[in-house]
Amino acid sequence: MTRLNKAFATFFVFCGLVACGPDGGNASTESGPGGSAANAVDGGTQPSAAAKAFIGQWTYISGTETNQCGSAAADTEPVTAADGTVTFSDRSGPDQLVVDDAGCIVVVTVSGTTATGQPGTICPGNFTTSSLVYTLSSGTLREQGSGQIEENGEYCAVSDDAYLTLD
């Protein structure tokens, strides 16, 4: 998954689509002021100190994204600040957060300096996550993700290795 703006743009207009969460889109997205699913808090449990370190909006600063469709050569492109942001918000458990990456909503579980996403999350545009790992180190967040997108019966592999900084 992750910094997929370029990959999605090659197949369709991504903006304005609604993400389905890990429950198939049945959860309420109401969250009070602001009304954003990324800001939703399901209960009164406070995030752990480890989880709090991830909370906020992170901006891409560097890295690469690779797309491989069928027998075509892999296309690798740089990741820059122009690729946008990823937002981590509180969830119901002390070690669970909600990540919003370009409208793809993924629940991650935090353990120490690592946040791991749930594989199999289905995002807008027929994109499915295979793996998603965020690692914090010295104020920088590293995102390593992979998944596949289906377009007209063809499956394309998407992966990234990117770095972000907290806004």
Protein backbone atom coordinates (compact mmCIF):
# COMPACT_ATOMS: atom_id res chain seq x y z
CA MET A 1 0.00 0.00 0.00
CA THR A 2 1.30 3.38 1.05
CA ARG A 3 2.42 6.23 -1.16
CA LEU A 4 0.22 5.04 -3.98
CA ASN A 5 -0.86 8.34 -5.48
CA LYS A 6 1.26 7.77 -8.60
CA ALA A 7 0.19 4.15 -8.99
CA PHE A 8 -3.49 5.00 -8.61
CA ALA A 9 -3.17 7.95 -10.98
CA THR A 10 -2.02 5.62 -13.74
CA PHE A 11 -5.31 3.74 -13.61
CA PHE A 12 -8.07 6.15 -12.55
CA VAL A 13 -8.96 9.35 -10.79
CA PHE A 14 -8.45 8.54 -7.13
CA CYS A 15 -9.83 11.60 -5.35
CA GLY A 16 -13.36 11.45 -4.07
CA LEU A 17 -13.60 7.70 -3.64
CA VAL A 18 -14.67 6.31 -0.27
CA ALA A 19 -12.36 3.83 1.47
CA CYS A 20 -13.59 0.57 2.93
CA GLY A 21 -12.05 -0.25 6.27
CA PRO A 22 -11.16 -3.69 7.61
CA ASP A 23 -14.83 -4.27 8.47
CA GLY A 24 -15.94 -3.97 4.83
CA GLY A 25 -17.10 -0.38 5.21
CA ASN A 26 -19.75 -1.00 7.87
CA ALA A 27 -18.22 1.14 10.62
CA SER A 28 -19.52 4.60 11.28
CA THR A 29 -17.28 7.41 10.11
CA GLU A 30 -18.95 9.97 12.37
CA SER A 31 -16.43 11.42 14.78
CA GLY A 32 -17.87 14.62 16.15
CA PRO A 33 -16.20 17.92 15.23
CA GLY A 34 -14.57 17.60 11.84
CA GLY A 35 -16.50 14.44 10.95
CA SER A 36 -13.42 12.66 9.59
CA ALA A 37 -12.93 8.91 9.83
CA ALA A 38 -9.24 9.57 10.35
CA ASN A 39 -10.11 11.52 13.51
CA ALA A 40 -12.53 8.93 14.88
CA VAL A 41 -11.91 7.52 18.34
CA ASP A 42 -13.90 4.40 19.16
CA GLY A 43 -13.56 4.48 22.93
CA GLY A 44 -12.04 6.06 25.97
CA THR A 45 -8.78 4.09 25.99
CA GLN A 46 -5.75 6.33 25.70
CA PRO A 47 -3.00 5.42 23.23
CA SER A 48 0.22 4.00 24.65
CA ALA A 49 3.35 6.15 24.74
CA ALA A 50 4.69 4.17 21.78
CA ALA A 51 1.50 4.79 19.76
CA LYS A 52 1.47 8.52 20.63
CA ALA A 53 4.85 8.90 18.90
CA PHE A 54 3.16 8.05 15.56
CA ILE A 55 0.07 10.28 15.92
CA GLY A 56 -0.04 13.25 13.56
CA GLN A 57 0.37 14.15 9.93
CA TRP A 58 3.55 12.98 8.22
CA THR A 59 4.86 14.31 4.89
CA TYR A 60 6.83 12.23 2.40
CA ILE A 61 10.42 13.44 1.95
CA SER A 62 12.19 10.72 -0.06
CA GLY A 63 12.13 7.14 -1.25
CA THR A 64 10.97 5.07 -4.19
CA GLU A 65 7.81 3.41 -5.46
CA THR A 66 7.85 0.53 -7.93
CA ASN A 67 4.93 -0.62 -10.11
CA GLN A 68 5.01 -3.90 -12.07
CA CYS A 69 2.12 -4.78 -14.37
CA GLY A 70 2.03 -8.07 -16.26
CA SER A 71 5.13 -8.70 -18.34
CA ALA A 72 5.97 -4.99 -18.69
CA ALA A 73 9.18 -3.68 -17.21
CA ALA A 74 8.95 -2.41 -13.63
CA ASP A 75 8.51 1.34 -13.31
CA THR A 76 10.36 2.89 -10.34
CA GLU A 77 9.76 6.52 -9.46
CA PRO A 78 11.03 8.77 -6.68
CA VAL A 79 8.86 9.69 -3.70
CA THR A 80 8.94 13.39 -2.74
CA ALA A 81 6.99 15.90 -0.63
CA ALA A 82 4.70 16.42 -3.63
CA ASP A 83 3.35 12.91 -2.99
CA GLY A 84 1.40 14.14 0.01
CA THR A 85 0.89 13.06 3.57
CA VAL A 86 -0.05 10.13 5.80
CA THR A 87 -2.12 10.76 8.93
CA PHE A 88 -2.04 8.58 12.05
CA SER A 89 -5.00 8.93 14.44
CA ASP A 90 -6.07 7.29 17.70
CA ARG A 91 -8.14 4.09 17.67
CA SER A 92 -9.92 2.18 20.43
CA GLY A 93 -6.99 0.22 21.83
CA PRO A 94 -3.82 1.54 23.41
CA ASP A 95 -1.67 0.10 20.62
CA GLN A 96 -3.98 0.53 17.62
CA LEU A 97 -4.01 3.52 15.29
CA VAL A 98 -5.84 4.42 12.10
CA VAL A 99 -3.70 5.43 9.12
CA ASP A 100 -5.14 7.50 6.27
CA ASP A 101 -2.90 7.37 3.21
CA ALA A 102 -4.58 9.14 0.27
CA GLY A 103 -8.00 7.84 1.30
CA CYS A 104 -6.88 4.29 2.03
CA ILE A 105 -7.75 3.62 5.67
CA VAL A 106 -5.63 0.97 7.41
CA VAL A 107 -5.60 -0.09 11.07
CA VAL A 108 -2.06 -0.54 12.40
CA THR A 109 -0.83 -2.16 15.60
CA VAL A 110 2.09 -0.46 17.36
CA SER A 111 4.85 -2.38 19.11
CA GLY A 112 7.77 -0.25 20.24
CA THR A 113 8.94 1.81 17.27
CA THR A 114 7.09 -0.27 14.66
CA ALA A 115 3.51 0.02 13.41
CA THR A 116 2.25 -2.89 11.30
CA GLY A 117 -0.82 -2.71 9.07
CA GLN A 118 -3.44 -5.40 8.61
CA PRO A 119 -2.74 -7.30 5.37
CA GLY A 120 -5.65 -7.71 3.02
CA THR A 121 -7.10 -4.24 3.57
CA ILE A 122 -9.05 -3.26 0.48
CA CYS A 123 -8.64 0.35 -0.60
CA PRO A 124 -10.38 2.45 -3.25
CA GLY A 125 -9.64 1.41 -6.81
CA ASN A 126 -9.29 -2.34 -6.18
CA PHE A 127 -5.99 -1.97 -4.32
CA THR A 128 -5.27 -4.63 -1.67
CA THR A 129 -2.45 -4.35 0.85
CA SER A 130 -0.05 -7.26 1.24
CA SER A 131 2.23 -5.74 3.83
CA LEU A 132 2.65 -2.36 5.47
CA VAL A 133 5.26 -1.50 8.09
CA TYR A 134 6.12 1.90 9.53
CA THR A 135 9.30 2.26 11.60
CA LEU A 136 10.21 5.32 13.69
CA SER A 137 13.86 6.28 14.06
CA SER A 138 15.33 9.64 15.14
CA GLY A 139 12.18 11.59 14.23
CA THR A 140 11.88 10.03 10.77
CA LEU A 141 9.19 7.55 9.77
CA ARG A 142 10.09 4.81 7.27
CA GLU A 143 7.25 3.28 5.30
CA GLN A 144 7.69 -0.09 3.60
CA GLY A 145 4.64 -1.45 1.87
CA SER A 146 3.41 -3.68 -0.89
CA GLY A 147 0.18 -4.76 -2.46
CA GLN A 148 -1.60 -5.24 -5.73
CA ILE A 149 -4.10 -3.38 -7.83
CA GLU A 150 -6.41 -4.98 -10.35
CA GLU A 151 -7.21 -3.13 -13.56
CA ASN A 152 -9.19 -4.77 -16.37
CA GLY A 153 -8.30 -8.26 -15.19
CA GLU A 154 -4.57 -7.53 -14.94
CA TYR A 155 -2.86 -7.49 -11.55
CA CYS A 156 -0.11 -4.97 -10.91
CA ALA A 157 2.31 -5.25 -8.00
CA VAL A 158 3.03 -2.01 -6.14
CA SER A 159 5.72 -1.54 -3.51
CA ASP A 160 7.40 1.36 -1.81
CA ASP A 161 10.21 2.25 0.55
CA ALA A 162 9.75 5.85 1.64
CA TYR A 163 10.66 8.27 4.40
CA LEU A 164 8.40 10.83 6.06
CA THR A 165 8.75 13.67 8.55
CA LEU A 166 6.18 14.88 11.10
CA ASP A 167 4.50 18.17 10.15
